[in-house]
């Protein structure tokens, strides 16, 4: 998906989690970053995911865990 922070792939999901990966980003630290969020059945867009479980670069995604 295209997002204001870059191009993000939805890699997969389980009953509890959804997995994303950055392909492009204006922040070079985010490129290739893998993120796991708690699933949100109400979500329609990346911004709707707020409960970050883990990421391959915690510093780059600290804002999402708040």
Protein backbone atom coordinates (compact mmCIF):
# COMPACT_ATOMS: atom_id res chain seq x y z
CA UNK A 1 0.00 0.00 0.00
CA UNK A 2 1.06 3.56 -0.54
CA UNK A 3 1.29 5.60 2.66
CA UNK A 4 2.59 9.06 3.48
CA UNK A 5 5.63 7.41 5.15
CA UNK A 6 6.41 5.14 2.19
CA UNK A 7 5.42 1.96 0.36
CA UNK A 8 4.30 -0.78 2.75
CA UNK A 9 3.62 -4.44 2.01
CA UNK A 10 1.11 -6.44 4.03
CA UNK A 11 3.16 -9.62 4.40
CA UNK A 12 0.56 -11.72 6.20
CA UNK A 13 -1.59 -12.11 9.26
CA UNK A 14 -2.75 -14.46 11.99
CA UNK A 15 -5.86 -14.29 14.15
CA UNK A 16 -4.02 -11.93 16.51
CA UNK A 17 -1.39 -10.08 14.43
CA UNK A 18 -0.75 -8.43 11.07
CA UNK A 19 2.71 -8.21 9.48
CA UNK A 20 4.02 -5.27 7.44
CA UNK A 21 7.29 -4.48 5.66
CA UNK A 22 8.56 -1.19 4.24
CA UNK A 23 9.74 -1.32 0.61
CA UNK A 24 10.36 2.43 0.22
CA UNK A 25 10.51 5.26 2.74
CA UNK A 26 11.71 8.82 3.03
CA UNK A 27 13.49 7.62 6.20
CA UNK A 28 16.33 5.29 5.12
CA UNK A 29 16.18 3.50 8.51
CA UNK A 30 12.67 2.27 7.71
CA UNK A 31 13.47 0.61 4.37
CA UNK A 32 13.16 -3.14 4.83
CA UNK A 33 11.75 -2.71 8.33
CA UNK A 34 9.45 -5.54 9.42
CA UNK A 35 6.59 -4.64 11.78
CA UNK A 36 4.11 -6.70 13.75
CA UNK A 37 0.93 -5.05 15.01
CA UNK A 38 -2.05 -6.43 16.90
CA UNK A 39 -4.91 -6.99 14.45
CA UNK A 40 -7.59 -4.36 14.34
CA UNK A 41 -10.82 -5.67 12.76
CA UNK A 42 -11.95 -2.05 12.31
CA UNK A 43 -8.81 -1.07 10.33
CA UNK A 44 -9.00 0.12 6.74
CA UNK A 45 -5.57 1.79 6.50
CA UNK A 46 -2.07 1.55 7.99
CA UNK A 47 -2.82 4.49 10.33
CA UNK A 48 -5.55 2.40 11.95
CA UNK A 49 -2.94 0.07 13.47
CA UNK A 50 -1.77 1.51 16.79
CA UNK A 51 -0.69 -1.48 18.90
CA UNK A 52 2.86 -2.22 17.74
CA UNK A 53 4.05 -5.59 19.04
CA UNK A 54 7.59 -5.49 17.67
CA UNK A 55 9.68 -4.18 14.80
CA UNK A 56 13.10 -4.79 13.35
CA UNK A 57 14.04 -1.14 14.08
CA UNK A 58 12.39 -0.03 17.34
CA UNK A 59 13.75 3.53 17.15
CA UNK A 60 12.07 4.17 13.81
CA UNK A 61 8.64 3.18 15.13
CA UNK A 62 8.60 4.47 18.70
CA UNK A 63 5.80 6.86 17.74
CA UNK A 64 3.44 3.96 16.95
CA UNK A 65 3.73 2.33 20.36
CA UNK A 66 2.35 5.37 22.20
